[in-house]
N, C-alpha and C. Protein backbone atom coordinates (compact mmCIF):
# COMPACT_ATOMS: atom_id res chain seq x y z
N MET A 1 0.77 -1.18 -0.11
CA MET A 1 -0.03 0.12 -0.02
C MET A 1 1.02 1.34 0.15
N SER A 2 0.44 2.13 -0.50
CA SER A 2 1.26 3.61 -0.65
C SER A 2 0.52 4.29 0.41
N ASN A 3 1.43 5.36 0.71
CA ASN A 3 1.04 6.59 1.65
C ASN A 3 -0.30 7.06 1.38
N PRO A 4 -0.65 7.24 0.10
CA PRO A 4 -1.81 7.91 0.08
C PRO A 4 -2.94 7.36 0.31
N ASP A 5 -2.97 6.02 0.26
CA ASP A 5 -4.07 4.92 0.63
C ASP A 5 -4.00 5.14 2.29
N LEU A 6 -2.85 5.22 2.87
CA LEU A 6 -3.18 5.20 4.19
C LEU A 6 -3.78 6.64 4.60
N ILE A 7 -3.35 7.83 4.17
CA ILE A 7 -3.93 9.26 4.36
C ILE A 7 -5.24 9.14 4.35
N ARG A 8 -5.62 8.31 2.81
CA ARG A 8 -7.16 8.54 2.74
C ARG A 8 -7.72 7.61 3.92
N PHE A 9 -7.53 6.61 4.33
CA PHE A 9 -7.77 5.86 5.39
C PHE A 9 -7.96 6.68 6.56
N PHE A 10 -6.87 7.31 7.18
CA PHE A 10 -6.89 8.37 8.48
C PHE A 10 -7.92 9.59 8.16
N GLN A 11 -7.99 10.07 6.80
CA GLN A 11 -8.94 11.11 6.36
C GLN A 11 -10.38 10.65 6.85
N ARG A 12 -10.67 9.30 6.10
CA ARG A 12 -12.06 8.76 6.27
C ARG A 12 -12.24 8.49 7.86
N VAL A 13 -11.35 7.90 8.64
CA VAL A 13 -11.70 7.73 9.93
C VAL A 13 -12.09 9.29 10.68
N ASN A 14 -11.37 10.23 10.01
CA ASN A 14 -11.60 11.76 10.87
C ASN A 14 -13.18 11.91 10.59
N ARG A 15 -13.75 11.26 9.73
CA ARG A 15 -15.33 11.61 9.47
C ARG A 15 -15.82 11.54 10.98
N LEU A 16 -15.63 10.52 11.61
CA LEU A 16 -16.16 10.23 12.98
C LEU A 16 -16.20 11.33 14.04
N LYS A 17 -15.16 12.41 14.16
CA LYS A 17 -15.04 13.35 14.83
C LYS A 17 -16.28 14.53 14.14
N ARG A 18 -16.79 14.41 12.94
CA ARG A 18 -17.48 15.38 12.62
C ARG A 18 -19.11 14.71 12.72
N THR A 19 -19.15 13.43 12.91
CA THR A 19 -20.55 12.69 12.98
C THR A 19 -21.05 12.45 14.38
N GLU A 20 -22.26 13.55 14.68
CA GLU A 20 -22.71 13.70 15.84
C GLU A 20 -23.64 12.56 16.21
N ARG A 21 -23.67 11.96 17.45
CA ARG A 21 -24.51 10.76 17.84
C ARG A 21 -25.82 11.41 17.84
N THR A 22 -26.76 10.73 17.05
CA THR A 22 -28.19 11.05 16.54
C THR A 22 -28.86 10.98 17.79
N GLY A 23 -28.79 10.08 18.52
CA GLY A 23 -29.46 10.54 20.05
C GLY A 23 -29.46 11.59 20.53
N TRP A 24 -28.26 12.24 20.77
CA TRP A 24 -28.32 13.56 21.36
C TRP A 24 -28.83 14.63 20.47
N VAL A 25 -28.41 14.21 19.12
CA VAL A 25 -29.19 15.37 18.02
C VAL A 25 -30.86 15.42 18.34
N ILE A 26 -31.33 14.34 18.41
CA ILE A 26 -32.70 14.27 18.52
C ILE A 26 -33.12 15.06 19.74
N LYS A 27 -32.46 14.86 20.82
CA LYS A 27 -32.84 15.37 22.15
C LYS A 27 -32.43 17.19 22.31
N ARG A 28 -31.71 17.44 20.83
CA ARG A 28 -31.58 18.84 20.84
C ARG A 28 -30.34 19.43 21.81
N ILE A 29 -29.55 18.51 22.13
CA ILE A 29 -28.40 18.88 22.96
C ILE A 29 -27.38 19.84 21.81
N LYS A 30 -27.16 21.11 22.32
CA LYS A 30 -26.27 21.80 21.27
C LYS A 30 -24.70 21.12 21.53
N LYS A 31 -24.15 21.33 20.40
CA LYS A 31 -22.74 20.58 20.43
C LYS A 31 -22.76 19.20 20.99
N PRO A 32 -23.43 18.31 20.36
CA PRO A 32 -23.51 17.00 20.89
C PRO A 32 -22.46 16.13 20.31
N GLU A 33 -21.98 15.14 21.18
CA GLU A 33 -20.97 14.31 21.42
C GLU A 33 -20.78 13.89 20.10
N SER A 34 -19.71 13.64 19.51
CA SER A 34 -19.44 13.32 18.10
C SER A 34 -19.14 11.65 18.44
N VAL A 35 -19.13 10.80 17.36
CA VAL A 35 -19.05 9.50 17.35
C VAL A 35 -17.70 9.26 17.74
N ALA A 36 -16.44 9.88 17.37
CA ALA A 36 -15.19 9.94 17.85
C ALA A 36 -15.12 9.74 19.28
N GLU A 37 -15.76 11.04 19.81
CA GLU A 37 -15.75 11.56 21.36
C GLU A 37 -16.31 10.04 22.11
N HIS A 38 -17.31 9.58 21.67
CA HIS A 38 -17.70 8.25 22.37
C HIS A 38 -16.71 7.18 22.17
N SER A 39 -16.32 6.88 21.18
CA SER A 39 -15.52 5.63 21.01
C SER A 39 -14.17 5.76 21.83
N PHE A 40 -13.63 7.19 21.98
CA PHE A 40 -12.53 7.38 22.70
C PHE A 40 -12.77 7.55 24.36
N ARG A 41 -13.93 7.82 24.76
CA ARG A 41 -14.30 7.58 26.21
C ARG A 41 -14.62 6.00 26.22
N THR A 42 -15.12 5.42 25.62
CA THR A 42 -15.49 3.91 25.73
C THR A 42 -14.19 3.19 25.64
N ALA A 43 -13.19 3.39 24.97
CA ALA A 43 -11.81 3.21 25.06
C ALA A 43 -11.11 3.07 26.68
N ILE A 44 -10.85 4.58 26.97
CA ILE A 44 -10.75 4.62 27.98
C ILE A 44 -11.38 3.91 29.29
N LEU A 45 -12.76 3.88 29.17
CA LEU A 45 -13.36 3.08 30.09
C LEU A 45 -12.68 1.58 29.93
N ALA A 46 -12.82 1.10 28.76
CA ALA A 46 -12.11 -0.17 29.09
C ALA A 46 -10.91 -0.44 29.70
N TYR A 47 -10.00 0.52 29.22
CA TYR A 47 -8.58 0.38 30.02
C TYR A 47 -8.76 0.39 31.47
N VAL A 48 -9.42 1.39 32.28
CA VAL A 48 -9.79 1.45 33.74
C VAL A 48 -10.33 0.53 34.20
N LEU A 49 -11.58 -0.16 33.65
CA LEU A 49 -12.38 -1.15 34.30
C LEU A 49 -12.02 -2.39 34.02
N THR A 50 -10.97 -2.68 32.91
CA THR A 50 -10.77 -4.31 32.63
C THR A 50 -9.41 -4.42 32.88
N LYS A 51 -8.47 -3.36 33.13
CA LYS A 51 -6.81 -3.65 33.48
C LYS A 51 -6.36 -5.02 34.09
N ASP A 52 -7.49 -5.15 35.29
CA ASP A 52 -6.97 -6.24 36.33
C ASP A 52 -7.62 -7.28 36.14
N ILE A 53 -8.58 -7.28 35.20
CA ILE A 53 -9.53 -8.50 35.39
C ILE A 53 -9.13 -9.66 34.50
N SER A 54 -8.62 -10.78 35.10
CA SER A 54 -8.36 -12.01 34.41
C SER A 54 -9.08 -12.37 33.57
N GLY A 55 -8.62 -12.86 32.32
CA GLY A 55 -9.45 -13.40 31.26
C GLY A 55 -9.82 -12.42 30.24
N VAL A 56 -9.63 -11.20 30.73
CA VAL A 56 -10.08 -9.89 29.65
C VAL A 56 -8.76 -9.43 28.97
N ASP A 57 -8.56 -9.72 27.54
CA ASP A 57 -7.56 -8.98 26.75
C ASP A 57 -8.09 -7.53 26.58
N THR A 58 -7.47 -6.61 27.50
CA THR A 58 -7.76 -5.26 27.62
C THR A 58 -7.34 -4.54 26.28
N ASP A 59 -5.96 -5.08 25.75
CA ASP A 59 -5.45 -4.55 24.90
C ASP A 59 -6.25 -4.52 23.58
N LYS A 60 -6.69 -5.85 23.38
CA LYS A 60 -8.02 -6.24 22.51
C LYS A 60 -9.31 -5.24 22.41
N LEU A 61 -9.48 -5.28 23.67
CA LEU A 61 -11.15 -4.56 23.84
C LEU A 61 -10.70 -3.08 23.60
N ILE A 62 -9.83 -2.53 23.93
CA ILE A 62 -9.47 -1.15 23.55
C ILE A 62 -9.66 -0.79 22.14
N THR A 63 -9.01 -1.55 21.37
CA THR A 63 -8.71 -1.53 19.89
C THR A 63 -10.32 -1.75 19.39
N MET A 64 -11.11 -2.78 20.00
CA MET A 64 -12.56 -2.91 19.58
C MET A 64 -13.39 -1.59 19.89
N ALA A 65 -12.93 -1.21 20.97
CA ALA A 65 -13.90 0.03 21.53
C ALA A 65 -13.30 1.37 20.44
N LEU A 66 -12.45 1.56 20.18
CA LEU A 66 -11.83 2.42 18.97
C LEU A 66 -12.37 2.41 17.93
N ILE A 67 -12.53 1.08 17.22
CA ILE A 67 -13.12 0.80 15.88
C ILE A 67 -14.59 0.24 15.82
N HIS A 68 -15.52 0.06 16.81
CA HIS A 68 -16.44 -0.25 16.52
C HIS A 68 -17.42 0.57 16.23
N GLU A 69 -17.27 1.84 16.12
CA GLU A 69 -18.39 2.50 15.30
C GLU A 69 -17.87 2.88 13.78
N PHE A 70 -16.83 1.97 13.28
CA PHE A 70 -16.19 2.19 11.75
C PHE A 70 -17.45 2.16 10.93
N GLY A 71 -18.61 1.36 11.25
CA GLY A 71 -19.51 1.30 10.35
C GLY A 71 -20.32 2.66 10.04
N GLU A 72 -20.01 3.63 10.91
CA GLU A 72 -20.94 4.89 10.83
C GLU A 72 -20.06 5.89 9.78
N ILE A 73 -18.92 5.39 9.79
CA ILE A 73 -18.09 6.24 8.93
C ILE A 73 -18.71 6.95 7.61
N PHE A 74 -19.27 5.96 6.85
CA PHE A 74 -20.38 6.12 5.41
C PHE A 74 -21.76 5.91 5.91
N ALA A 75 -21.82 5.42 6.92
CA ALA A 75 -23.61 5.05 6.77
C ALA A 75 -24.22 6.04 7.92
N GLY A 76 -23.22 6.65 8.55
CA GLY A 76 -23.59 7.79 9.77
C GLY A 76 -24.28 6.93 10.96
N ASP A 77 -24.64 7.87 12.01
CA ASP A 77 -24.98 7.02 13.41
C ASP A 77 -26.63 6.64 13.22
N ILE A 78 -26.89 5.66 12.67
CA ILE A 78 -28.43 5.06 12.61
C ILE A 78 -28.91 4.60 14.01
N PRO A 79 -29.79 5.30 14.54
CA PRO A 79 -30.13 5.02 15.93
C PRO A 79 -30.71 3.61 16.05
N THR A 80 -30.84 2.99 17.05
CA THR A 80 -31.56 1.94 17.79
C THR A 80 -31.96 2.23 18.91
N GLY A 81 -32.70 1.31 19.47
CA GLY A 81 -33.21 1.40 20.88
C GLY A 81 -34.68 1.55 20.81
N PRO A 82 -35.28 1.83 21.90
CA PRO A 82 -36.71 1.72 22.18
C PRO A 82 -37.51 2.35 21.46
N LEU A 83 -37.14 3.51 21.04
CA LEU A 83 -38.06 4.69 20.73
C LEU A 83 -38.28 4.56 18.96
N TYR A 84 -37.39 3.58 18.41
CA TYR A 84 -37.12 3.71 16.79
C TYR A 84 -38.07 2.41 16.52
N GLU A 85 -38.65 2.52 15.22
CA GLU A 85 -39.51 1.48 14.62
C GLU A 85 -38.20 0.48 13.91
N PHE A 86 -38.47 -1.01 14.28
CA PHE A 86 -37.71 -1.71 13.70
C PHE A 86 -38.50 -2.53 12.66
N LYS A 87 -39.43 -2.02 11.86
CA LYS A 87 -40.26 -2.79 10.95
C LYS A 87 -39.51 -2.56 9.61
N ASN A 88 -39.92 -3.74 8.40
CA ASN A 88 -39.54 -3.38 7.21
C ASN A 88 -37.83 -4.01 7.05
N GLY A 89 -37.46 -4.82 8.08
CA GLY A 89 -35.96 -5.03 7.72
C GLY A 89 -35.11 -3.59 8.24
N TYR A 90 -35.50 -2.86 9.31
CA TYR A 90 -34.83 -1.64 9.74
C TYR A 90 -33.09 -2.06 10.11
N LEU A 91 -33.25 -3.17 10.99
CA LEU A 91 -32.01 -3.76 11.67
C LEU A 91 -30.97 -4.10 10.69
N GLU A 92 -31.51 -4.68 9.90
CA GLU A 92 -30.66 -5.64 8.54
C GLU A 92 -30.20 -4.69 7.71
N ARG A 93 -31.05 -3.66 7.34
CA ARG A 93 -30.52 -2.67 6.62
C ARG A 93 -29.57 -1.90 7.24
N LYS A 94 -29.44 -1.64 8.37
CA LYS A 94 -28.43 -0.72 9.27
C LYS A 94 -27.08 -1.76 9.08
N ARG A 95 -27.33 -3.11 9.35
CA ARG A 95 -26.30 -4.01 9.74
C ARG A 95 -25.61 -3.82 8.02
N ARG A 96 -26.22 -4.25 7.21
CA ARG A 96 -25.57 -3.88 5.49
C ARG A 96 -24.79 -2.98 5.44
N LEU A 97 -25.62 -1.58 5.90
CA LEU A 97 -24.94 -0.40 5.41
C LEU A 97 -23.73 -0.13 6.14
N GLU A 98 -23.70 -0.62 7.44
CA GLU A 98 -22.50 -0.73 8.33
C GLU A 98 -21.26 -1.61 7.97
N LEU A 99 -21.70 -2.67 7.29
CA LEU A 99 -20.84 -3.61 6.94
C LEU A 99 -20.11 -3.09 5.84
N LYS A 100 -20.88 -2.63 4.75
CA LYS A 100 -20.45 -1.91 3.64
C LYS A 100 -19.54 -0.69 4.17
N SER A 101 -19.76 -0.03 4.96
CA SER A 101 -19.25 1.07 5.51
C SER A 101 -17.60 0.46 5.68
N VAL A 102 -17.39 -0.31 6.52
CA VAL A 102 -16.37 -1.07 7.35
C VAL A 102 -15.64 -1.52 6.32
N LYS A 103 -16.25 -2.04 5.31
CA LYS A 103 -15.28 -2.78 4.34
C LYS A 103 -14.61 -1.58 3.55
N LYS A 104 -15.33 -0.69 2.98
CA LYS A 104 -14.89 0.47 2.41
C LYS A 104 -13.68 1.08 2.97
N VAL A 105 -13.61 1.41 4.32
CA VAL A 105 -12.93 2.33 5.42
C VAL A 105 -11.83 1.27 5.28
N LEU A 106 -11.74 0.17 5.61
CA LEU A 106 -10.59 -0.71 5.53
C LEU A 106 -9.98 -0.97 4.42
N SER A 107 -10.52 -0.82 3.23
CA SER A 107 -9.76 -1.35 2.06
C SER A 107 -8.71 -0.35 1.90
N ASP A 108 -8.36 0.58 2.40
CA ASP A 108 -7.26 1.49 2.32
C ASP A 108 -5.93 1.03 3.05
N LEU A 109 -6.09 0.03 3.64
CA LEU A 109 -5.13 -0.72 4.61
C LEU A 109 -4.56 -2.05 4.05
N PRO A 110 -3.19 -2.01 4.32
CA PRO A 110 -2.49 -3.14 3.97
C PRO A 110 -3.37 -4.73 4.23
N PRO A 111 -3.29 -5.66 3.64
CA PRO A 111 -4.20 -6.72 3.77
C PRO A 111 -4.38 -7.52 5.20
N SER A 112 -3.03 -7.61 5.74
CA SER A 112 -3.08 -7.99 7.10
C SER A 112 -3.69 -7.21 8.34
N THR A 113 -3.65 -6.03 8.35
CA THR A 113 -4.23 -4.84 9.01
C THR A 113 -5.59 -4.64 8.88
N ARG A 114 -5.92 -4.95 7.44
CA ARG A 114 -7.30 -5.02 7.08
C ARG A 114 -8.25 -6.11 7.89
N LYS A 115 -7.57 -7.15 7.48
CA LYS A 115 -8.16 -8.53 7.90
C LYS A 115 -8.02 -8.58 9.58
N GLY A 116 -7.51 -8.19 10.18
CA GLY A 116 -7.26 -8.09 11.78
C GLY A 116 -8.21 -7.04 12.27
N LEU A 117 -8.24 -5.77 11.59
CA LEU A 117 -9.18 -4.88 12.20
C LEU A 117 -10.96 -5.33 11.80
N PHE A 118 -10.92 -5.74 10.53
CA PHE A 118 -12.15 -6.47 10.18
C PHE A 118 -12.71 -7.68 11.26
N SER A 119 -11.74 -8.42 11.31
CA SER A 119 -12.04 -9.63 12.28
C SER A 119 -12.24 -8.76 13.61
N LEU A 120 -11.73 -7.98 14.40
CA LEU A 120 -11.90 -7.53 15.55
C LEU A 120 -13.42 -6.73 15.67
N TRP A 121 -13.67 -6.02 14.50
CA TRP A 121 -15.11 -5.25 14.12
C TRP A 121 -16.12 -6.52 14.27
N LYS A 122 -15.93 -7.43 13.42
CA LYS A 122 -17.16 -8.48 13.21
C LYS A 122 -17.21 -9.14 14.85
N GLU A 123 -16.14 -9.29 15.42
CA GLU A 123 -16.24 -9.80 16.75
C GLU A 123 -17.08 -8.98 17.68
N ALA A 124 -16.98 -7.51 17.52
CA ALA A 124 -17.77 -6.66 18.32
C ALA A 124 -18.93 -6.68 17.96
N GLU A 125 -19.32 -6.76 16.84
CA GLU A 125 -20.64 -6.91 16.05
C GLU A 125 -21.39 -8.19 16.89
N GLU A 126 -20.96 -9.46 16.94
CA GLU A 126 -21.46 -10.74 17.15
C GLU A 126 -21.76 -10.77 18.76
N LYS A 127 -21.06 -10.17 19.61
CA LYS A 127 -21.04 -10.28 20.83
C LYS A 127 -20.97 -11.54 21.74
N ARG A 128 -20.06 -12.12 21.11
CA ARG A 128 -19.95 -13.83 21.67
C ARG A 128 -18.84 -13.91 22.59
N THR A 129 -17.65 -13.04 22.46
CA THR A 129 -16.42 -13.16 23.13
C THR A 129 -16.63 -12.32 24.44
N VAL A 130 -15.83 -12.82 25.49
CA VAL A 130 -15.65 -11.89 26.76
C VAL A 130 -15.36 -10.65 26.36
N GLU A 131 -14.40 -9.95 25.59
CA GLU A 131 -14.21 -8.73 25.10
C GLU A 131 -15.18 -7.86 24.65
N SER A 132 -16.05 -8.41 23.50
CA SER A 132 -17.20 -8.12 22.81
C SER A 132 -18.29 -8.14 23.87
N LYS A 133 -18.46 -8.58 24.75
CA LYS A 133 -19.79 -8.51 26.06
C LYS A 133 -19.32 -7.31 26.62
N TRP A 134 -18.03 -7.23 27.11
CA TRP A 134 -17.63 -6.12 27.90
C TRP A 134 -17.79 -4.68 26.99
N LEU A 135 -17.16 -4.87 25.73
CA LEU A 135 -17.56 -3.63 24.84
C LEU A 135 -19.11 -3.11 24.78
N LYS A 136 -20.17 -3.87 24.70
CA LYS A 136 -21.54 -3.56 25.04
C LYS A 136 -21.78 -3.14 26.15
N ASN A 137 -21.25 -3.40 27.53
CA ASN A 137 -21.39 -2.84 28.54
C ASN A 137 -20.50 -1.62 28.65
N LEU A 138 -19.73 -1.57 28.29
CA LEU A 138 -18.84 -0.11 28.21
C LEU A 138 -19.63 1.03 27.54
N ASP A 139 -20.09 0.33 25.97
CA ASP A 139 -20.72 1.34 25.32
C ASP A 139 -22.13 1.97 25.85
N LYS A 140 -22.91 0.99 26.72
CA LYS A 140 -23.89 1.44 27.29
C LYS A 140 -23.38 2.49 28.28
N LEU A 141 -22.34 2.37 29.07
CA LEU A 141 -22.05 3.03 30.32
C LEU A 141 -21.55 4.35 30.01
N GLU A 142 -20.64 4.51 28.65
CA GLU A 142 -20.58 5.91 28.34
C GLU A 142 -21.58 6.35 27.85
N MET A 143 -22.61 5.96 27.20
CA MET A 143 -23.87 6.47 26.66
C MET A 143 -24.25 7.27 28.18
N ALA A 144 -24.67 6.41 29.08
CA ALA A 144 -24.91 7.25 30.34
C ALA A 144 -24.12 8.16 31.09
N LEU A 145 -22.85 7.93 30.90
CA LEU A 145 -22.09 9.27 31.54
C LEU A 145 -22.17 10.59 30.78
N GLN A 146 -22.35 9.85 29.57
CA GLN A 146 -22.61 10.98 28.80
C GLN A 146 -23.88 12.14 29.04
N ALA A 147 -24.94 11.14 29.27
CA ALA A 147 -26.49 11.85 29.77
C ALA A 147 -26.01 12.66 30.81
N LEU A 148 -25.22 11.83 31.74
CA LEU A 148 -25.16 12.49 33.11
C LEU A 148 -24.48 14.19 32.77
N ASP A 149 -23.32 14.02 31.99
CA ASP A 149 -22.46 15.08 31.63
C ASP A 149 -23.72 16.34 30.68
N TYR A 150 -24.45 16.03 30.21
CA TYR A 150 -25.55 16.77 29.68
C TYR A 150 -26.51 17.59 30.89
N GLU A 151 -26.68 16.41 31.79
CA GLU A 151 -27.57 16.95 32.92
C GLU A 151 -27.01 17.82 33.82
N LEU A 152 -25.56 17.83 33.86
CA LEU A 152 -25.03 18.70 34.84
C LEU A 152 -24.56 19.98 34.12
N GLU A 153 -24.92 19.99 32.36
CA GLU A 153 -24.54 21.00 31.90
C GLU A 153 -26.19 22.09 31.54
N GLY A 154 -27.08 21.59 32.54
CA GLY A 154 -28.17 21.79 32.55
C GLY A 154 -29.43 21.42 31.52
N TYR A 155 -29.41 20.38 30.89
CA TYR A 155 -30.45 19.58 30.37
C TYR A 155 -31.21 18.65 31.18
N SER A 156 -32.56 18.90 30.87
CA SER A 156 -33.52 18.40 31.68
C SER A 156 -33.36 16.64 31.85
N PRO A 157 -32.90 16.38 32.93
CA PRO A 157 -32.81 14.95 33.32
C PRO A 157 -34.10 14.14 33.09
N LYS A 158 -35.24 14.48 32.83
CA LYS A 158 -36.33 13.65 32.31
C LYS A 158 -36.20 13.49 30.67
N SER A 159 -35.53 14.48 30.27
CA SER A 159 -35.78 14.37 28.63
C SER A 159 -34.59 13.05 28.25
N LEU A 160 -34.02 13.08 29.19
CA LEU A 160 -32.60 11.97 29.28
C LEU A 160 -32.88 10.52 29.74
N ASP A 161 -33.91 10.32 30.54
CA ASP A 161 -34.32 9.04 31.22
C ASP A 161 -34.12 8.10 30.54
N GLU A 162 -34.44 7.95 29.09
CA GLU A 162 -34.18 6.85 28.09
C GLU A 162 -33.01 6.43 28.25
N PHE A 163 -32.22 7.07 28.19
CA PHE A 163 -30.41 6.61 28.22
C PHE A 163 -30.20 5.96 29.27
N TRP A 164 -30.47 6.27 30.37
CA TRP A 164 -30.16 5.65 31.64
C TRP A 164 -30.88 4.39 31.64
N GLU A 165 -32.24 4.41 31.34
CA GLU A 165 -33.17 3.24 31.29
C GLU A 165 -32.21 2.12 30.47
N ASP A 166 -32.23 2.49 29.42
CA ASP A 166 -31.34 1.47 28.28
C ASP A 166 -30.16 0.88 29.00
N SER A 167 -29.23 1.87 29.52
CA SER A 167 -27.89 1.53 29.93
C SER A 167 -28.34 0.58 31.07
N LYS A 168 -29.19 0.86 32.38
CA LYS A 168 -29.54 -0.21 33.18
C LYS A 168 -29.85 -1.55 32.98
N LYS A 169 -30.53 -1.69 31.69
CA LYS A 169 -31.34 -2.84 31.16
C LYS A 169 -30.03 -3.56 30.45
N LYS A 170 -29.01 -2.95 30.00
CA LYS A 170 -27.99 -3.78 29.23
C LYS A 170 -26.67 -3.78 29.56
N ILE A 171 -26.31 -3.24 31.15
CA ILE A 171 -25.19 -3.28 31.51
C ILE A 171 -25.00 -4.63 32.61
N SER A 172 -24.27 -5.60 32.39
CA SER A 172 -24.29 -6.57 33.35
C SER A 172 -23.02 -6.93 34.02
N GLU A 173 -21.89 -6.28 33.49
CA GLU A 173 -20.69 -6.66 34.29
C GLU A 173 -20.49 -5.64 35.55
N PRO A 174 -20.31 -6.41 36.74
CA PRO A 174 -20.17 -5.98 38.09
C PRO A 174 -19.60 -4.49 38.18
N LYS A 175 -18.21 -4.24 37.60
CA LYS A 175 -17.68 -3.11 37.53
C LYS A 175 -18.15 -1.90 36.96
N ALA A 176 -19.17 -2.11 35.94
CA ALA A 176 -19.51 -1.45 35.01
C ALA A 176 -20.79 -0.91 35.78
N ILE A 177 -21.62 -1.69 36.46
CA ILE A 177 -22.63 -1.48 37.10
C ILE A 177 -22.50 -0.79 38.24
N ALA A 178 -21.06 -0.78 38.83
CA ALA A 178 -20.99 -0.06 40.17
C ALA A 178 -20.74 1.57 39.69
N VAL A 179 -19.88 1.65 38.46
CA VAL A 179 -19.62 3.05 37.90
C VAL A 179 -21.19 3.51 37.77
N LEU A 180 -21.98 2.89 36.89
CA LEU A 180 -23.38 3.35 36.67
C LEU A 180 -24.01 3.71 37.83
N LYS A 181 -24.16 3.18 38.91
CA LYS A 181 -24.66 3.49 40.00
C LYS A 181 -24.03 4.58 40.80
N LYS A 182 -23.05 4.87 40.84
CA LYS A 182 -22.11 6.19 41.41
C LYS A 182 -22.68 7.49 40.41
N ALA A 183 -22.86 7.12 39.25
CA ALA A 183 -23.27 8.25 38.20
C ALA A 183 -24.60 8.37 38.52
N GLU A 184 -25.66 7.40 39.00
CA GLU A 184 -27.06 7.77 39.24
C GLU A 184 -26.96 8.45 40.32
N LYS A 185 -26.31 8.17 41.50
CA LYS A 185 -26.31 8.96 42.54
C LYS A 185 -25.97 10.56 42.31
N LEU A 186 -25.04 10.74 41.61
CA LEU A 186 -24.87 12.18 41.15
C LEU A 186 -25.93 12.86 40.59
N ARG A 187 -26.44 11.93 39.74
CA ARG A 187 -27.78 12.43 38.89
C ARG A 187 -28.90 12.87 39.95
N LYS A 188 -29.13 11.81 40.86
CA LYS A 188 -30.20 11.86 41.85
C LYS A 188 -29.91 13.40 42.72
N ARG A 189 -28.69 13.61 43.00
CA ARG A 189 -28.37 14.81 43.97
C ARG A 189 -28.69 15.97 43.10
N ARG A 190 -28.35 16.01 41.99
CA ARG A 190 -28.43 17.01 40.92
C ARG A 190 -30.18 17.51 40.84
N VAL A 191 -30.74 16.17 40.79
CA VAL A 191 -32.19 16.44 40.88
C VAL A 191 -33.01 16.79 41.94
N GLU A 192 -32.59 16.46 43.13
CA GLU A 192 -33.22 16.85 44.43
C GLU A 192 -32.90 18.26 44.59
């Protein structure tokens, strides 16, 4: 691969810095979190919460956290969750668009790097391994922490309840649950 291909890869990845998270846009958050910001904090959570857990490959998890949203580089941040209609193959279309996006982004990389990152992205999507299950927990924990950040900035807690509820339903790892509970205590103090 020539350097221009790597430059194009880095430029494409940069798009995530300008892709706003749809859930926050819908809630009319001014200057909403970007997908890149979400991925960054998810990676930090991965390091801090799993570094000392036996059986978790923290480095692998951090990489997964950094690339888990590559499907959104060209597909955009397609929302999922209880408020969205999943009729007419919505989720399957979302998966196809994201897969196409990932393949396009990774096409500029050397074959071994492309194969390795695609394998990690696919593993994250399938949610079968220890690391991919942790990623799902951390993805939802980061969302709750972002909701807390917005509440501390003055946004209505009631308008952000759905993000907390979704996180509480989907976080199952004890260390992630403990962080979520601490965040909820901060939230309750603010509301009172």
